[in-house]
Amino acid sequence: MTTAFFGILYTVLQCFDGVLFFDLFLKRRLSGQRFWWTAAAMALAFGALLNLLHPRGVPLKLAAVLGGFWLMALVLYRGGRAFRLLLASLFYALLNGTEQLLVFGVLGALQMDLPALYNSPALFQATSAAEQFLVLSLLLAARRLPSLRRGEHTDWRWWFPGLFLTVGSTLVSAWLLHSAVHGQTTADVIVVCTAFLICVNILVIRINDWLEQNARAREQALALHEKLHAQAESIEALTDAYGTQRRLTHDYTAHLACLEGYLSQGDCDRARDYVRELLRQQNDRLLFVNTHNAALDALFNQKARAAEKQGIDLRFVVNDLSGLKIRTGDLAVLISNLMDNALEASLRLPQPQREMEVRAVLEDTFLFSVRNRSLPVQIVDGTIPSTKPDPSLHGYGLANVNTILDLYPDSFRRMSCKDGWFSYVIELPNRLRS
């Protein structure tokens, strides 16, 4: 009973170490006491199952321990499943390597073999305590280092090579332990090999951190390109509207002269027909939406004309946006990306079902929403997984939106898909960001 108790306690401490390790790379799903109560319940259940059921055989025990740590990562943290599996295997490999490095270092120093250590409970428990203290110290020290890039990519191809190396190093460690138990390998050899395997796993962390850094740099470059594209679209639309207005102003005097000529001759019928024709032409040139914000009007009307050409029923609900203080460049990225996504999604439907609704309302805060009919969409952790052959080249529309919204700590966002309608709602404080 005492052995089982200490085994459960040791496993719970290892789970706590796992929380510290996962915190370096992942964002928590829960916060405050809910997180710690859930983590404690999982650690106790994991410790009880592992120490009371006693999985037989190295492969089964390896699978049970790795599966337990992966389950903790899945329940407690956000991120791609493949990346969380990689982190679980990395943690187990480093934990196992540290344990073997310390145990066989002690055996080499005391000139003992492994069975003698197992037969000495006091020495075995002291070694386990030292190992736990060493792991905890290293993890607490790692928390003081600059934050590692948090892996959010869900494509398994990013993480499979590292996963292969970490699982392979754990299997090699298990083989070394088996050899030591049967007296086929000396402690010195195991210490050297284990130190090498630990270095391999640390290298895997650094390589994946480098891959994540490059992926983020690529996303930022594409986001910047999209921002410049959106601003260029807004400027182009504003220039067209200004040019149209100049042409109308230029023609205004000529129209008045024509009307004066008809009226001076008493030809009221021709004057009336002329005015009707002017009204018809003017209605064709009227803006679809007028918010008294020149830049946003240009962008809204450009998207509205695109929707009209594609047979999409687009409705606007707006008010006076002349008092907006938010950066026009940021709004251009948000509006352009969300409306482009809605237009693209609408084109996948038959023309009679193509509907969109855009709201842009300024009160104490700025509320912007896009709602469109859509095919069923899967939303995972606030993103829409790409179904295209190369996910790394797609999905930057929402990524650009999130990049801008992250600059506004007080912003609100909500994405949903229900009853054939997809919607994205944003609320921003009406002020310049720092």
Protein backbone atom coordinates (compact mmCIF):
# COMPACT_ATOMS: atom_id res chain seq x y z
CA MET A 1 0.00 0.00 0.00
CA THR A 2 2.86 2.35 0.87
CA THR A 3 4.53 1.65 -2.48
CA ALA A 4 1.30 2.44 -4.34
CA PHE A 5 0.87 5.67 -2.36
CA PHE A 6 4.37 6.88 -3.16
CA GLY A 7 3.88 5.84 -6.80
CA ILE A 8 0.68 7.90 -7.07
CA LEU A 9 2.34 10.87 -5.34
CA TYR A 10 5.31 10.65 -7.73
CA THR A 11 2.98 10.54 -10.77
CA VAL A 12 1.00 13.55 -9.50
CA LEU A 13 4.24 15.52 -9.13
CA GLN A 14 5.20 14.53 -12.65
CA CYS A 15 1.83 15.81 -13.89
CA PHE A 16 2.51 19.11 -12.14
CA ASP A 17 5.84 19.22 -13.95
CA GLY A 18 3.91 18.56 -17.15
CA VAL A 19 1.70 21.62 -16.49
CA LEU A 20 4.82 23.77 -16.09
CA PHE A 21 6.24 22.34 -19.31
CA PHE A 22 3.05 22.81 -21.36
CA ASP A 23 2.72 26.38 -20.06
CA LEU A 24 5.94 27.20 -21.93
CA PHE A 25 4.35 26.44 -25.30
CA LEU A 26 0.54 26.40 -25.06
CA LYS A 27 -2.36 28.63 -24.05
CA ARG A 28 -4.64 27.34 -21.31
CA ARG A 29 -8.28 26.51 -22.04
CA LEU A 30 -9.38 27.25 -18.48
CA SER A 31 -8.38 29.94 -16.03
CA GLY A 32 -7.91 30.31 -12.29
CA GLN A 33 -9.12 27.60 -9.93
CA ARG A 34 -11.02 25.74 -12.67
CA PHE A 35 -7.73 24.98 -14.38
CA TRP A 36 -5.99 23.76 -11.24
CA TRP A 37 -8.95 21.69 -9.98
CA THR A 38 -9.22 19.99 -13.39
CA ALA A 39 -5.46 19.42 -13.53
CA ALA A 40 -5.44 17.97 -9.99
CA ALA A 41 -8.35 15.61 -10.75
CA MET A 42 -6.66 14.37 -13.93
CA ALA A 43 -3.32 13.92 -12.15
CA LEU A 44 -4.89 11.86 -9.34
CA ALA A 45 -6.86 9.71 -11.81
CA PHE A 46 -3.77 9.21 -13.97
CA GLY A 47 -1.63 8.32 -10.96
CA ALA A 48 -4.19 5.85 -9.61
CA LEU A 49 -4.69 4.09 -12.94
CA LEU A 50 -0.99 3.88 -13.68
CA ASN A 51 0.07 2.60 -10.24
CA LEU A 52 -2.88 0.36 -9.43
CA LEU A 53 -3.31 -1.31 -12.82
CA HIS A 54 0.45 -1.69 -13.44
CA PRO A 55 0.61 -1.86 -17.28
CA ARG A 56 2.86 -4.79 -18.18
CA GLY A 57 5.57 -4.54 -20.78
CA VAL A 58 7.60 -1.55 -21.88
CA PRO A 59 5.47 -0.71 -24.99
CA LEU A 60 2.21 -0.76 -23.01
CA LYS A 61 3.63 1.33 -20.18
CA LEU A 62 5.14 3.78 -22.66
CA ALA A 63 1.80 4.13 -24.46
CA ALA A 64 -0.08 4.57 -21.15
CA VAL A 65 2.23 7.30 -19.84
CA LEU A 66 2.45 9.12 -23.16
CA GLY A 67 -1.32 8.88 -23.62
CA GLY A 68 -1.90 10.28 -20.14
CA PHE A 69 0.28 13.34 -20.73
CA TRP A 70 -1.29 13.87 -24.17
CA LEU A 71 -4.78 13.70 -22.65
CA MET A 72 -3.78 16.38 -20.14
CA ALA A 73 -2.55 18.60 -22.97
CA LEU A 74 -5.77 18.03 -24.95
CA VAL A 75 -8.08 18.83 -22.05
CA LEU A 76 -6.18 21.69 -20.42
CA TYR A 77 -4.63 23.52 -23.38
CA ARG A 78 -5.39 24.92 -26.82
CA GLY A 79 -3.50 24.19 -30.01
CA GLY A 80 -3.11 21.59 -32.72
CA ARG A 81 -3.53 17.98 -31.63
CA ALA A 82 -0.34 16.92 -33.41
CA PHE A 83 1.64 19.69 -31.71
CA ARG A 84 0.24 18.75 -28.29
CA LEU A 85 1.21 15.11 -28.95
CA LEU A 86 4.72 16.28 -29.81
CA LEU A 87 4.94 18.24 -26.56
CA ALA A 88 3.65 15.29 -24.53
CA SER A 89 6.27 13.02 -26.08
CA LEU A 90 8.97 15.65 -25.60
CA PHE A 91 8.07 16.07 -21.94
CA TYR A 92 8.06 12.32 -21.34
CA ALA A 93 11.37 11.90 -23.20
CA LEU A 94 13.03 14.68 -21.19
CA LEU A 95 11.51 13.44 -17.93
CA ASN A 96 12.61 9.87 -18.61
CA GLY A 97 16.06 11.02 -19.73
CA THR A 98 16.57 13.17 -16.63
CA GLU A 99 15.52 10.30 -14.39
CA GLN A 100 17.90 7.83 -16.04
CA LEU A 101 20.73 10.36 -16.09
CA LEU A 102 20.41 10.94 -12.35
CA VAL A 103 19.79 7.31 -11.39
CA PHE A 104 22.70 5.89 -13.36
CA GLY A 105 24.90 8.79 -12.32
CA VAL A 106 24.24 7.80 -8.71
CA LEU A 107 24.84 4.12 -9.52
CA GLY A 108 28.14 4.95 -11.20
CA ALA A 109 29.24 7.10 -8.29
CA LEU A 110 28.29 4.48 -5.66
CA GLN A 111 29.46 1.50 -7.75
CA MET A 112 26.04 -0.14 -7.42
CA ASP A 113 23.81 -1.96 -9.86
CA LEU A 114 20.13 -1.23 -10.54
CA PRO A 115 18.64 -4.15 -8.52
CA ALA A 116 20.61 -2.99 -5.47
CA LEU A 117 19.07 0.47 -5.80
CA TYR A 118 15.55 -0.98 -6.03
CA ASN A 119 16.23 -3.08 -2.91
CA SER A 120 17.20 0.03 -0.93
CA PRO A 121 13.91 1.96 -0.41
CA ALA A 122 15.56 4.90 1.35
CA LEU A 123 18.15 5.41 -1.39
CA PHE A 124 15.57 4.88 -4.13
CA GLN A 125 13.18 7.45 -2.62
CA ALA A 126 16.03 9.93 -2.08
CA THR A 127 17.04 9.53 -5.73
CA SER A 128 13.43 10.01 -6.86
CA ALA A 129 13.12 13.15 -4.71
CA ALA A 130 16.38 14.52 -6.14
CA GLU A 131 15.16 13.78 -9.65
CA GLN A 132 11.86 15.57 -8.97
CA PHE A 133 13.69 18.56 -7.48
CA LEU A 134 16.01 18.72 -10.51
CA VAL A 135 13.15 18.63 -13.03
CA LEU A 136 11.15 21.23 -11.10
CA SER A 137 14.18 23.53 -10.86
CA LEU A 138 14.87 23.26 -14.60
CA LEU A 139 11.23 24.01 -15.48
CA LEU A 140 11.06 27.00 -13.14
CA ALA A 141 14.30 28.29 -14.66
CA ALA A 142 12.89 27.78 -18.18
CA ARG A 143 9.88 29.96 -17.30
CA ARG A 144 12.29 32.88 -16.85
CA LEU A 145 13.67 32.50 -20.37
CA PRO A 146 12.19 34.50 -23.28
CA SER A 147 8.85 32.96 -24.26
CA LEU A 148 9.02 30.27 -26.87
CA ARG A 149 6.74 30.61 -29.90
CA ARG A 150 3.38 29.07 -29.21
CA GLY A 151 2.59 26.42 -31.83
CA GLU A 152 -0.85 26.99 -33.30
CA HIS A 153 -0.50 25.22 -36.66
CA THR A 154 -2.70 22.17 -36.98
CA ASP A 155 -0.93 20.60 -39.97
CA TRP A 156 0.70 17.38 -38.69
CA ARG A 157 3.50 17.69 -41.25
CA TRP A 158 4.99 20.47 -39.12
CA TRP A 159 5.50 18.20 -36.13
CA PHE A 160 5.87 14.63 -37.40
CA PRO A 161 9.72 14.63 -37.77
CA GLY A 162 10.15 15.92 -34.20
CA LEU A 163 7.58 13.44 -32.91
CA PHE A 164 9.45 10.60 -34.62
CA LEU A 165 12.72 11.65 -32.96
CA THR A 166 11.26 12.05 -29.46
CA VAL A 167 9.40 8.74 -29.49
CA GLY A 168 12.51 7.06 -30.91
CA SER A 169 14.69 8.52 -28.15
CA THR A 170 12.22 7.26 -25.50
CA LEU A 171 12.32 3.75 -27.00
CA VAL A 172 16.12 3.85 -26.96
CA SER A 173 16.03 4.92 -23.30
CA ALA A 174 13.68 2.03 -22.53
CA TRP A 175 16.06 -0.38 -24.30
CA LEU A 176 19.01 1.01 -22.30
CA LEU A 177 17.07 0.51 -19.06
CA HIS A 178 16.21 -3.07 -20.07
CA SER A 179 19.88 -3.72 -20.82
CA ALA A 180 20.91 -2.30 -17.46
CA VAL A 181 18.42 -4.48 -15.58
CA HIS A 182 19.90 -7.59 -17.25
CA GLY A 183 23.47 -6.44 -16.65
CA GLN A 184 24.23 -5.96 -20.36
CA THR A 185 25.16 -2.25 -20.18
CA THR A 186 27.27 -0.29 -17.72
CA ALA A 187 26.09 2.84 -15.97
CA ASP A 188 28.71 4.99 -17.70
CA VAL A 189 27.45 4.00 -21.16
CA ILE A 190 23.85 4.73 -20.17
CA VAL A 191 24.79 8.16 -18.77
CA VAL A 192 26.57 9.16 -21.98
CA CYS A 193 23.79 7.84 -24.25
CA THR A 194 21.06 9.43 -22.14
CA ALA A 195 22.83 12.80 -22.12
CA PHE A 196 23.04 12.60 -25.92
CA LEU A 197 19.32 11.76 -26.19
CA ILE A 198 18.43 14.70 -23.94
CA CYS A 199 20.43 16.98 -26.22
CA VAL A 200 18.55 15.56 -29.22
CA ASN A 201 15.21 16.40 -27.61
CA ILE A 202 16.33 19.91 -26.68
CA LEU A 203 17.41 20.33 -30.30
CA VAL A 204 13.94 19.24 -31.41
CA ILE A 205 12.45 22.02 -29.26
CA ARG A 206 14.75 24.61 -30.76
CA ILE A 207 14.13 23.43 -34.34
CA ASN A 208 10.38 23.54 -33.89
CA ASP A 209 10.68 26.93 -32.25
CA TRP A 210 12.62 28.09 -35.31
CA LEU A 211 9.98 26.64 -37.64
CA GLU A 212 7.26 28.41 -35.69
CA GLN A 213 9.20 31.68 -35.80
CA ASN A 214 9.57 31.42 -39.58
CA ALA A 215 5.89 30.54 -39.98
CA ARG A 216 4.89 33.59 -37.96
CA ALA A 217 7.23 35.80 -39.99
CA ARG A 218 5.61 34.47 -43.13
CA GLU A 219 2.14 35.18 -41.72
CA GLN A 220 3.15 38.71 -40.77
CA ALA A 221 4.54 39.33 -44.26
CA LEU A 222 1.32 38.09 -45.85
CA ALA A 223 -0.74 40.10 -43.35
CA LEU A 224 1.23 43.22 -44.25
CA HIS A 225 0.71 42.50 -47.94
CA GLU A 226 -3.01 42.09 -47.34
CA LYS A 227 -3.12 45.32 -45.34
CA LEU A 228 -1.41 47.21 -48.16
CA HIS A 229 -3.77 45.59 -50.66
CA ALA A 230 -6.83 46.61 -48.61
CA GLN A 231 -5.56 50.16 -48.27
CA ALA A 232 -4.82 50.30 -51.99
CA GLU A 233 -8.37 49.12 -52.71
CA SER A 234 -9.77 51.82 -50.42
CA ILE A 235 -7.65 54.53 -52.02
CA GLU A 236 -8.60 53.34 -55.51
CA ALA A 237 -12.30 53.35 -54.67
CA LEU A 238 -12.02 56.79 -53.05
CA THR A 239 -10.17 58.12 -56.09
CA ASP A 240 -12.88 56.77 -58.41
CA ALA A 241 -15.59 58.39 -56.28
CA TYR A 242 -13.71 61.68 -56.29
CA GLY A 243 -13.23 61.52 -60.05
CA THR A 244 -16.93 60.84 -60.55
CA GLN A 245 -17.82 63.78 -58.35
CA ARG A 246 -15.50 66.08 -60.32
CA ARG A 247 -17.10 64.99 -63.59
CA LEU A 248 -20.56 65.64 -62.15
CA THR A 249 -19.49 69.09 -60.98
CA HIS A 250 -17.97 69.85 -64.37
CA ASP A 251 -21.24 68.87 -66.11
CA TYR A 252 -23.42 70.80 -63.68
CA THR A 253 -23.06 74.15 -65.52
CA ALA A 254 -23.77 72.55 -68.89
CA HIS A 255 -26.96 70.93 -67.57
CA LEU A 256 -28.17 74.27 -66.17
CA ALA A 257 -27.51 75.96 -69.52
CA CYS A 258 -29.54 73.31 -71.36
CA LEU A 259 -32.44 73.66 -68.93
CA GLU A 260 -32.33 77.46 -69.24
CA GLY A 261 -32.49 77.13 -73.03
CA TYR A 262 -35.54 74.86 -72.95
CA LEU A 263 -37.34 77.01 -70.41
CA SER A 264 -36.56 80.28 -72.22
CA GLN A 265 -38.16 78.80 -75.32
CA GLY A 266 -41.17 77.67 -73.27
CA ASP A 267 -40.47 74.02 -74.09
CA CYS A 268 -41.45 72.60 -70.70
CA ASP A 269 -41.94 69.04 -71.97
CA ARG A 270 -38.36 68.75 -73.21
CA ALA A 271 -37.11 70.35 -70.02
CA ARG A 272 -39.09 67.85 -67.96
CA ASP A 273 -37.73 64.90 -70.02
CA TYR A 274 -34.22 66.26 -69.62
CA VAL A 275 -34.60 66.45 -65.82
CA ARG A 276 -35.96 62.89 -65.72
CA GLU A 277 -32.95 61.63 -67.66
CA LEU A 278 -30.61 63.46 -65.28
CA LEU A 279 -32.36 61.91 -62.29
CA ARG A 280 -32.07 58.44 -63.80
CA GLN A 281 -28.35 58.89 -64.41
CA GLN A 282 -27.85 60.31 -60.94
CA ASN A 283 -29.61 57.34 -59.32
CA ASP A 284 -27.25 55.01 -61.16
CA ARG A 285 -24.33 56.92 -59.65
CA LEU A 286 -25.70 57.12 -56.12
CA LEU A 287 -23.66 55.45 -53.37
CA PHE A 288 -25.00 52.18 -52.04
CA VAL A 289 -24.18 53.38 -48.54
CA ASN A 290 -23.31 56.77 -47.07
CA THR A 291 -21.76 56.85 -43.59
CA HIS A 292 -20.13 60.32 -43.89
CA ASN A 293 -16.74 58.60 -43.64
CA ALA A 294 -15.14 58.95 -47.06
CA ALA A 295 -12.65 56.09 -46.76
CA LEU A 296 -15.16 53.55 -45.44
CA ASP A 297 -17.83 54.70 -47.90
CA ALA A 298 -15.41 54.05 -50.74
CA LEU A 299 -14.59 50.58 -49.41
CA PHE A 300 -18.22 49.67 -48.65
CA ASN A 301 -19.42 50.79 -52.06
CA GLN A 302 -16.62 48.96 -53.85
CA LYS A 303 -17.61 45.71 -52.13
CA ALA A 304 -21.29 46.46 -52.77
CA ARG A 305 -20.67 46.82 -56.52
CA ALA A 306 -18.72 43.53 -56.48
CA ALA A 307 -21.66 41.84 -54.71
CA GLU A 308 -24.11 43.28 -57.25
CA LYS A 309 -22.08 41.94 -60.15
CA GLN A 310 -21.99 38.47 -58.55
CA GLY A 311 -25.73 38.35 -57.88
CA ILE A 312 -25.40 38.64 -54.08
CA ASP A 313 -28.15 40.40 -52.15
CA LEU A 314 -26.15 42.71 -49.89
CA ARG A 315 -27.89 44.81 -47.22
CA PHE A 316 -26.27 47.50 -45.07
CA VAL A 317 -27.25 48.72 -41.59
CA VAL A 318 -25.13 51.80 -40.81
CA ASN A 319 -25.21 55.13 -39.04
CA ASP A 320 -22.99 58.22 -39.03
CA LEU A 321 -19.36 57.06 -38.88
CA SER A 322 -17.77 60.50 -39.24
CA GLY A 323 -16.74 60.35 -35.57
CA LEU A 324 -14.61 57.19 -35.89
CA LYS A 325 -11.20 57.56 -34.22
CA ILE A 326 -9.92 54.03 -35.00
CA ARG A 327 -7.09 53.89 -37.52
CA THR A 328 -8.46 53.77 -41.06
CA GLY A 329 -5.77 51.27 -42.08
CA ASP A 330 -6.85 48.84 -39.34
CA LEU A 331 -10.52 49.18 -40.29
CA ALA A 332 -9.67 48.65 -43.96
CA VAL A 333 -8.00 45.32 -43.15
CA LEU A 334 -10.87 44.14 -40.93
CA ILE A 335 -13.67 45.18 -43.29
CA SER A 336 -11.94 44.11 -46.49
CA ASN A 337 -10.99 40.63 -45.25
CA LEU A 338 -14.33 39.85 -43.62
CA MET A 339 -16.39 41.08 -46.56
CA ASP A 340 -14.12 39.26 -49.06
CA ASN A 341 -14.53 36.04 -47.07
CA ALA A 342 -18.32 36.50 -47.05
CA LEU A 343 -18.41 37.22 -50.78
CA GLU A 344 -16.30 34.14 -51.50
CA ALA A 345 -18.49 31.95 -49.27
CA SER A 346 -21.66 33.28 -50.94
CA LEU A 347 -20.41 32.27 -54.38
CA ARG A 348 -20.45 28.62 -53.30
CA LEU A 349 -24.25 28.78 -53.04
CA PRO A 350 -26.89 28.90 -55.80
CA GLN A 351 -27.63 32.50 -56.77
CA PRO A 352 -31.11 32.70 -55.14
CA GLN A 353 -29.50 31.84 -51.76
CA ARG A 354 -26.72 34.44 -51.90
CA GLU A 355 -27.44 36.88 -49.08
CA MET A 356 -25.22 39.13 -46.98
CA GLU A 357 -25.84 41.68 -44.25
CA VAL A 358 -23.24 44.18 -43.05
CA ARG A 359 -23.62 46.29 -39.91
CA ALA A 360 -21.38 49.25 -39.08
CA VAL A 361 -22.72 51.19 -36.13
CA LEU A 362 -20.88 53.77 -34.04
CA GLU A 363 -22.17 54.56 -30.55
CA ASP A 364 -19.94 54.38 -27.45
CA THR A 365 -18.03 51.65 -29.30
CA PHE A 366 -17.78 50.64 -32.95
CA LEU A 367 -19.77 47.53 -33.86
CA PHE A 368 -19.06 45.81 -37.15
CA SER A 369 -20.55 42.51 -38.25
CA VAL A 370 -20.79 40.47 -41.44
CA ARG A 371 -23.52 37.88 -41.78
CA ASN A 372 -23.93 35.69 -44.85
CA ARG A 373 -25.61 32.50 -45.95
CA SER A 374 -23.04 29.73 -46.06
CA LEU A 375 -22.42 26.05 -46.40
CA PRO A 376 -21.72 24.30 -43.04
CA VAL A 377 -18.43 25.53 -41.53
CA GLN A 378 -16.35 23.84 -38.83
CA ILE A 379 -14.96 26.28 -36.26
CA VAL A 380 -12.08 24.99 -34.12
CA ASP A 381 -10.47 27.15 -31.42
CA GLY A 382 -11.67 30.35 -33.07
CA THR A 383 -10.37 29.45 -36.54
CA ILE A 384 -11.66 27.65 -39.60
CA PRO A 385 -9.34 24.75 -40.60
CA SER A 386 -8.47 24.88 -44.28
CA THR A 387 -9.64 22.01 -46.47
CA LYS A 388 -7.26 22.98 -49.27
CA PRO A 389 -4.28 20.76 -50.24
CA ASP A 390 -1.66 23.02 -48.64
CA PRO A 391 -3.08 24.61 -45.48
CA SER A 392 0.07 26.67 -44.94
CA LEU A 393 -0.80 28.83 -47.94
CA HIS A 394 -4.41 29.55 -47.05
CA GLY A 395 -6.55 30.95 -44.27
CA TYR A 396 -4.71 34.25 -43.89
CA GLY A 397 -7.93 36.33 -44.19
CA LEU A 398 -9.03 35.49 -40.64
CA ALA A 399 -5.39 35.46 -39.51
CA ASN A 400 -5.07 39.07 -40.67
CA VAL A 401 -8.28 39.97 -38.84
CA ASN A 402 -7.00 38.35 -35.64
CA THR A 403 -3.64 40.12 -36.03
CA ILE A 404 -5.37 43.51 -36.07
CA LEU A 405 -7.80 42.65 -33.25
CA ASP A 406 -4.91 41.49 -31.05
CA LEU A 407 -3.66 45.09 -31.18
CA TYR A 408 -6.83 46.17 -29.35
CA PRO A 409 -6.87 44.46 -25.91
CA ASP A 410 -10.43 45.64 -25.19
CA SER A 411 -11.85 44.32 -28.45
CA PHE A 412 -14.56 41.67 -28.70
CA ARG A 413 -14.92 39.08 -31.45
CA ARG A 414 -17.33 36.23 -32.02
CA MET A 415 -17.58 33.81 -34.91
CA SER A 416 -20.49 31.39 -35.37
CA CYS A 417 -22.22 29.27 -37.97
CA LYS A 418 -25.83 28.28 -37.29
CA ASP A 419 -28.90 27.45 -39.39
CA GLY A 420 -27.08 28.08 -42.65
CA TRP A 421 -25.81 31.53 -41.62
CA PHE A 422 -22.18 32.40 -40.86
CA SER A 423 -21.50 35.52 -38.83
CA TYR A 424 -18.48 37.39 -37.53
CA VAL A 425 -19.05 40.15 -34.97
CA ILE A 426 -16.45 42.69 -33.85
CA GLU A 427 -16.70 45.42 -31.23
CA LEU A 428 -13.87 47.93 -30.83
CA PRO A 429 -13.33 50.86 -28.46
CA ASN A 430 -13.56 54.09 -30.44
CA ARG A 431 -10.02 55.33 -29.85
CA LEU A 432 -6.60 55.20 -31.40
CA ARG A 433 -4.54 52.22 -30.38
CA SER A 434 -1.19 52.85 -28.78
